[in-house]
N, C-alpha and C. Protein backbone atom coordinates (compact mmCIF):
# COMPACT_ATOMS: atom_id res chain seq x y z
N MET A 1 201.40 -54.27 18.69
CA MET A 1 200.30 -54.27 19.58
C MET A 1 199.20 -54.00 19.13
N LYS A 2 198.62 -54.48 19.62
CA LYS A 2 197.00 -54.94 19.41
C LYS A 2 196.42 -56.12 20.41
N ILE A 3 195.00 -55.21 20.72
CA ILE A 3 193.93 -56.44 21.26
C ILE A 3 193.02 -56.55 20.17
N VAL A 4 192.68 -57.83 19.82
CA VAL A 4 191.23 -58.13 18.47
C VAL A 4 190.69 -58.62 20.33
N THR A 5 189.29 -58.58 20.08
CA THR A 5 188.25 -59.64 20.19
C THR A 5 188.13 -60.97 19.35
N ALA A 6 188.26 -62.08 20.36
CA ALA A 6 188.66 -63.54 19.29
C ALA A 6 187.40 -64.12 19.24
N SER A 7 186.51 -63.72 20.08
CA SER A 7 185.81 -64.60 20.07
C SER A 7 183.84 -63.60 20.06
N SER A 8 183.07 -64.17 20.17
CA SER A 8 181.41 -63.20 20.22
C SER A 8 181.49 -63.20 22.68
N ASP A 9 182.07 -64.92 22.78
CA ASP A 9 181.36 -64.17 24.50
C ASP A 9 182.71 -63.22 24.90
N GLY A 10 183.95 -62.73 24.38
CA GLY A 10 184.72 -61.20 24.97
C GLY A 10 186.07 -61.77 25.38
N ALA A 11 186.18 -63.06 24.59
CA ALA A 11 187.61 -63.71 25.08
C ALA A 11 188.44 -62.56 24.14
N CYS A 12 190.13 -62.37 24.51
CA CYS A 12 190.40 -61.19 23.96
C CYS A 12 191.49 -62.07 23.94
N LEU A 13 192.04 -61.98 22.52
CA LEU A 13 193.76 -62.25 22.16
C LEU A 13 194.53 -61.19 21.87
N VAL A 14 196.06 -60.88 22.26
CA VAL A 14 196.72 -60.28 22.95
C VAL A 14 198.12 -60.39 21.99
N GLY A 15 198.29 -59.87 20.56
CA GLY A 15 200.05 -60.56 19.72
C GLY A 15 200.67 -59.30 19.94
N SER A 16 201.66 -59.95 20.19
CA SER A 16 203.26 -59.27 20.36
C SER A 16 204.36 -59.29 19.02
N THR A 17 204.55 -58.41 17.88
CA THR A 17 205.01 -59.34 16.81
C THR A 17 206.80 -58.97 17.51
N ALA A 18 207.34 -58.18 18.20
CA ALA A 18 208.15 -58.12 18.79
C ALA A 18 208.88 -58.88 19.70
N PHE A 19 207.88 -60.19 20.41
CA PHE A 19 208.35 -61.15 20.81
C PHE A 19 207.17 -62.53 20.83
N ALA A 20 206.50 -61.72 19.25
CA ALA A 20 206.04 -62.96 18.47
C ALA A 20 205.08 -64.29 19.67
N SER A 21 204.19 -63.18 20.38
CA SER A 21 203.60 -64.39 21.45
C SER A 21 202.46 -64.01 21.40
N ALA A 22 201.30 -64.50 21.56
CA ALA A 22 200.00 -64.45 21.40
C ALA A 22 199.29 -65.79 22.00
N LYS A 23 198.05 -65.35 22.62
CA LYS A 23 197.80 -65.84 24.00
C LYS A 23 196.33 -65.19 24.46
N ASN A 24 195.34 -65.88 24.59
CA ASN A 24 193.48 -66.10 24.56
C ASN A 24 193.80 -65.86 25.51
N PHE A 25 193.15 -64.49 26.56
CA PHE A 25 192.37 -64.46 27.93
C PHE A 25 191.02 -64.48 27.99
N LYS A 26 190.95 -64.56 29.58
CA LYS A 26 188.90 -64.17 29.42
C LYS A 26 189.17 -63.37 30.04
N SER A 27 189.63 -62.40 29.73
CA SER A 27 188.88 -60.99 30.29
C SER A 27 190.00 -59.91 29.56
N ARG A 28 188.81 -58.90 29.43
CA ARG A 28 189.97 -57.83 28.82
C ARG A 28 190.70 -57.28 29.40
N GLU A 29 190.79 -57.51 31.34
CA GLU A 29 191.43 -56.32 31.42
C GLU A 29 192.41 -57.33 31.60
N GLU A 30 192.73 -59.23 31.71
CA GLU A 30 193.75 -59.60 31.80
C GLU A 30 195.08 -59.77 31.04
N ALA A 31 194.06 -59.10 29.05
CA ALA A 31 194.88 -58.67 27.97
C ALA A 31 195.11 -57.72 28.00
N ILE A 32 194.71 -56.66 28.73
CA ILE A 32 195.68 -54.99 28.77
C ILE A 32 196.38 -54.86 29.66
N ILE A 33 196.74 -55.90 30.86
CA ILE A 33 197.75 -55.82 31.30
C ILE A 33 198.95 -56.60 31.32
N GLN A 34 198.42 -57.35 30.16
CA GLN A 34 199.59 -58.52 29.03
C GLN A 34 200.04 -57.64 27.80
N LYS A 35 199.31 -56.87 27.73
CA LYS A 35 199.75 -55.87 26.27
C LYS A 35 200.40 -54.33 26.55
N GLY A 36 200.35 -54.10 28.53
CA GLY A 36 201.29 -53.45 29.14
C GLY A 36 202.69 -54.45 29.18
N THR A 37 202.27 -55.02 29.61
CA THR A 37 204.19 -55.93 29.88
C THR A 37 204.47 -55.75 28.69
N LEU A 38 203.60 -56.20 27.60
CA LEU A 38 204.70 -56.61 25.99
C LEU A 38 204.91 -55.64 25.78
N GLU A 39 204.19 -54.24 25.54
CA GLU A 39 204.59 -52.98 25.49
C GLU A 39 206.19 -52.30 25.97
N LEU A 40 206.23 -52.49 27.47
CA LEU A 40 206.85 -52.25 28.06
C LEU A 40 208.39 -53.05 28.15
N LYS A 41 208.61 -54.08 27.19
CA LYS A 41 209.30 -54.92 27.06
C LYS A 41 210.29 -54.38 25.90
N THR A 42 209.04 -54.24 24.76
CA THR A 42 209.67 -54.00 24.05
C THR A 42 210.22 -52.73 23.99
N LEU A 43 209.24 -51.84 24.31
CA LEU A 43 210.57 -50.28 25.32
C LEU A 43 211.57 -50.41 25.19
N GLN A 44 211.76 -51.30 26.49
CA GLN A 44 213.14 -51.87 26.78
C GLN A 44 213.59 -52.54 25.53
N ALA A 45 214.04 -53.65 25.47
CA ALA A 45 214.37 -53.97 24.32
C ALA A 45 215.41 -53.03 22.66
N GLY A 46 213.91 -52.23 22.37
CA GLY A 46 213.95 -50.82 21.92
C GLY A 46 215.68 -50.12 22.60
N ALA A 47 215.35 -50.09 23.65
CA ALA A 47 216.52 -48.90 24.31
C ALA A 47 217.62 -49.48 24.67
N CYS A 48 218.03 -51.17 24.93
CA CYS A 48 218.84 -51.87 25.19
C CYS A 48 218.92 -51.91 27.13
N LEU A 49 217.71 -51.89 27.59
CA LEU A 49 216.89 -51.89 29.02
C LEU A 49 217.01 -53.53 29.23
N HIS A 50 217.25 -53.38 30.54
CA HIS A 50 216.56 -55.09 30.67
C HIS A 50 216.50 -55.36 32.10
N SER A 51 215.75 -55.82 32.64
CA SER A 51 215.48 -55.98 34.09
C SER A 51 216.50 -56.66 34.55
N ALA A 52 217.24 -56.94 35.71
CA ALA A 52 217.62 -57.90 36.35
C ALA A 52 217.62 -57.75 38.06
N THR A 53 218.24 -58.63 38.55
CA THR A 53 218.02 -59.35 39.75
C THR A 53 218.91 -58.64 40.32
N THR A 54 219.53 -58.21 41.81
CA THR A 54 220.43 -57.94 42.18
C THR A 54 220.11 -58.10 43.27
N PHE A 55 221.89 -57.83 44.19
CA PHE A 55 221.77 -57.45 45.68
C PHE A 55 221.18 -55.76 45.91
N LEU A 56 221.20 -55.28 45.28
CA LEU A 56 221.71 -53.45 45.65
C LEU A 56 220.45 -53.13 46.28
N PHE A 57 220.66 -52.52 47.34
CA PHE A 57 219.57 -51.83 47.82
C PHE A 57 218.09 -50.68 46.77
N VAL A 58 217.75 -50.30 47.13
CA VAL A 58 216.73 -49.78 46.08
C VAL A 58 217.07 -48.63 45.76
N ILE A 59 218.06 -47.78 46.59
CA ILE A 59 218.57 -46.51 45.76
C ILE A 59 219.68 -46.39 45.10
N GLN A 60 220.57 -47.37 45.27
CA GLN A 60 221.27 -47.83 44.50
C GLN A 60 221.19 -48.16 42.61
N PRO A 61 220.44 -49.05 41.80
CA PRO A 61 220.19 -48.92 40.95
C PRO A 61 220.10 -47.02 40.28
N CYS A 62 219.46 -46.36 40.89
CA CYS A 62 218.83 -45.15 40.71
C CYS A 62 220.63 -44.53 40.61
N GLU A 63 221.22 -44.66 41.55
CA GLU A 63 222.71 -43.62 41.45
C GLU A 63 223.61 -44.37 40.67
N ALA A 64 223.52 -45.41 40.75
CA ALA A 64 224.28 -46.24 39.20
C ALA A 64 223.74 -45.86 37.78
N THR A 65 222.98 -45.29 37.66
CA THR A 65 222.49 -45.04 36.11
C THR A 65 222.60 -43.33 36.56
N THR A 66 222.11 -42.53 37.26
CA THR A 66 223.18 -41.21 37.21
C THR A 66 224.03 -41.30 36.79
N VAL A 67 225.40 -42.14 37.44
CA VAL A 67 226.32 -41.92 37.34
C VAL A 67 227.13 -42.32 35.89
N PHE A 68 226.38 -43.99 35.00
CA PHE A 68 226.26 -43.88 34.50
C PHE A 68 226.14 -42.61 32.96
N ASN A 69 225.05 -41.95 33.18
CA ASN A 69 224.79 -41.17 32.22
C ASN A 69 225.81 -39.99 32.52
N ARG A 70 226.28 -39.52 34.00
CA ARG A 70 227.05 -38.89 33.97
C ARG A 70 228.60 -39.27 32.99
N ILE A 71 228.81 -40.49 32.75
CA ILE A 71 229.99 -40.58 32.51
C ILE A 71 229.90 -40.97 31.33
N LYS A 72 228.68 -41.10 29.78
CA LYS A 72 228.32 -41.54 28.83
C LYS A 72 229.34 -41.21 27.87
N GLU A 73 229.90 -39.76 27.96
CA GLU A 73 230.48 -39.22 27.06
C GLU A 73 231.95 -39.30 27.64
N LYS A 74 232.38 -40.09 28.19
CA LYS A 74 233.58 -39.97 28.80
C LYS A 74 234.25 -41.10 27.54
N PRO A 75 235.84 -40.77 27.74
CA PRO A 75 236.09 -42.29 26.89
C PRO A 75 236.74 -43.61 27.46
N ARG A 76 236.68 -43.46 29.00
CA ARG A 76 236.78 -44.09 29.69
C ARG A 76 235.90 -45.27 30.19
N ALA A 77 236.20 -46.37 31.20
CA ALA A 77 235.29 -47.09 31.74
C ALA A 77 235.12 -46.96 33.30
N LEU A 78 234.14 -46.68 33.48
CA LEU A 78 233.02 -46.46 34.87
C LEU A 78 234.29 -47.15 35.91
N SER A 79 234.98 -48.50 35.69
CA SER A 79 235.90 -48.93 36.94
C SER A 79 237.40 -48.16 36.98
N VAL A 80 237.26 -47.25 35.57
CA VAL A 80 238.47 -46.62 35.75
C VAL A 80 238.82 -44.72 36.43
N TYR A 81 237.62 -44.92 36.37
CA TYR A 81 237.41 -43.55 36.86
C TYR A 81 237.14 -43.67 38.48
N LEU A 82 236.74 -45.05 38.87
CA LEU A 82 236.26 -45.27 40.60
C LEU A 82 237.72 -45.83 40.87
N ASP A 83 238.58 -46.22 40.38
CA ASP A 83 240.47 -46.81 40.66
C ASP A 83 240.73 -45.27 40.90
N CYS A 84 240.91 -44.27 39.91
CA CYS A 84 241.56 -43.16 40.06
C CYS A 84 241.41 -42.83 41.49
N THR A 85 239.50 -42.44 41.64
CA THR A 85 239.14 -41.63 42.70
C THR A 85 239.31 -43.04 44.40
N LEU A 86 239.60 -43.70 44.49
CA LEU A 86 239.91 -44.56 45.19
C LEU A 86 241.02 -44.13 45.42
N THR A 87 241.76 -44.24 45.05
CA THR A 87 243.64 -44.14 44.74
C THR A 87 243.72 -42.60 45.73
N ASN A 88 242.98 -42.04 44.77
CA ASN A 88 243.55 -40.29 45.04
C ASN A 88 242.96 -39.77 46.23
N TYR A 89 241.69 -39.90 46.49
CA TYR A 89 240.65 -39.38 47.29
C TYR A 89 240.89 -39.71 48.45
N GLN A 90 241.00 -38.22 49.21
CA GLN A 90 241.09 -38.49 50.97
C GLN A 90 240.25 -37.74 51.78
N GLU A 91 239.25 -38.34 52.40
CA GLU A 91 238.12 -37.84 53.40
C GLU A 91 239.03 -36.44 54.48
N PRO A 92 238.29 -35.61 54.66
CA PRO A 92 238.82 -34.03 55.29
C PRO A 92 239.27 -35.26 56.30
N ALA A 93 240.23 -34.12 57.43
CA ALA A 93 240.48 -35.01 58.38
C ALA A 93 239.94 -34.23 59.56
N THR A 94 238.96 -33.32 59.41
CA THR A 94 237.97 -32.75 59.97
C THR A 94 236.76 -31.81 59.25
N GLN A 95 235.46 -32.24 59.56
CA GLN A 95 234.54 -32.06 59.08
C GLN A 95 233.47 -31.65 60.25
N ARG A 96 233.41 -30.08 59.97
CA ARG A 96 232.19 -29.40 60.71
C ARG A 96 231.61 -28.57 60.25
N LEU A 97 230.30 -28.78 60.47
CA LEU A 97 228.81 -28.19 59.82
C LEU A 97 229.21 -26.58 59.79
N LEU A 98 228.36 -26.20 58.06
CA LEU A 98 228.53 -24.78 57.80
C LEU A 98 228.53 -23.70 59.08
N THR A 99 227.44 -23.75 59.46
CA THR A 99 227.48 -22.34 60.25
C THR A 99 228.23 -22.79 61.65
N ASP A 100 228.99 -23.61 61.51
CA ASP A 100 229.80 -23.45 62.82
C ASP A 100 231.40 -22.74 61.96
N ALA A 101 231.83 -23.26 60.52
CA ALA A 101 232.85 -22.44 59.92
C ALA A 101 232.36 -20.88 59.86
N VAL A 102 231.17 -20.99 59.55
CA VAL A 102 230.53 -19.28 59.82
C VAL A 102 230.90 -18.88 60.87
N LYS A 103 230.89 -19.39 61.94
CA LYS A 103 230.59 -18.50 62.97
C LYS A 103 232.83 -18.40 63.58
N ALA A 104 232.80 -19.59 63.21
CA ALA A 104 234.58 -19.65 63.23
C ALA A 104 235.01 -18.36 62.57
N ALA A 105 235.01 -18.64 61.33
CA ALA A 105 235.04 -17.43 60.54
C ALA A 105 235.09 -15.98 61.26
N ARG A 106 233.62 -15.80 61.19
CA ARG A 106 233.19 -14.14 61.98
C ARG A 106 233.73 -14.30 63.38
N ASN A 107 234.73 -15.26 64.45
CA ASN A 107 235.32 -14.62 65.63
C ASN A 107 236.65 -14.50 65.31
N SER A 108 237.25 -15.20 63.75
CA SER A 108 238.33 -14.97 63.87
C SER A 108 238.63 -13.19 63.20
N ARG A 109 237.92 -13.03 62.47
CA ARG A 109 237.66 -12.09 61.72
C ARG A 109 237.66 -10.57 62.92
N HIS A 110 236.98 -11.51 63.82
CA HIS A 110 236.73 -10.50 64.80
C HIS A 110 237.45 -9.76 65.59
N ALA A 111 238.35 -11.12 66.04
CA ALA A 111 240.28 -11.25 66.62
C ALA A 111 240.90 -10.13 66.27
N ALA A 112 240.78 -10.81 64.65
CA ALA A 112 241.84 -9.78 63.91
C ALA A 112 241.98 -8.41 63.87
N SER A 113 240.53 -8.49 63.65
CA SER A 113 240.34 -6.67 63.59
C SER A 113 240.10 -6.07 64.70
N SER A 114 240.24 -6.59 66.46
CA SER A 114 239.95 -6.01 67.16
C SER A 114 242.24 -6.29 67.81
N LEU A 115 243.19 -6.66 67.20
CA LEU A 115 244.30 -6.96 68.00
C LEU A 115 244.59 -5.73 66.09
N ASN A 116 244.01 -5.01 64.99
CA ASN A 116 244.32 -3.75 64.57
C ASN A 116 244.55 -2.49 64.94
N ARG A 117 243.23 -2.29 66.08
CA ARG A 117 242.73 -1.21 66.76
C ARG A 117 244.41 -0.46 67.64
N LEU A 118 243.94 -0.03 67.22
CA LEU A 118 244.72 1.25 68.11
C LEU A 118 244.46 1.93 69.95
N PRO A 119 244.77 1.42 70.33
CA PRO A 119 243.95 2.05 71.89
C PRO A 119 243.94 3.08 72.02
N PRO A 120 243.17 4.43 72.41
CA PRO A 120 242.96 5.76 71.96
C PRO A 120 243.77 6.62 73.28
């Protein structure tokens, strides 16, 4: 990537060997913006990345990327792991806050220790 001043009036030329495009810009700022865009496209192409229009919410592509990174060394496709999880996972019958569970455990221990005490 390079920015070259193409004429004495300040017009700039941006060339990209990766995308074989060249265009004259009226200002250096426009050329710099285009240069950044082309550099990003070059990096994405080199890393096998691409942009895509999707119906996913903002956080969901990030979650998908995280999942794919977690299973990239695994021998099976994501859909196999997803099918297995959806088939076998069961939500707990009840859910409670950790603080409530700790209180219940303490009360249970206290009640059990009270039963083990002998009257004087």
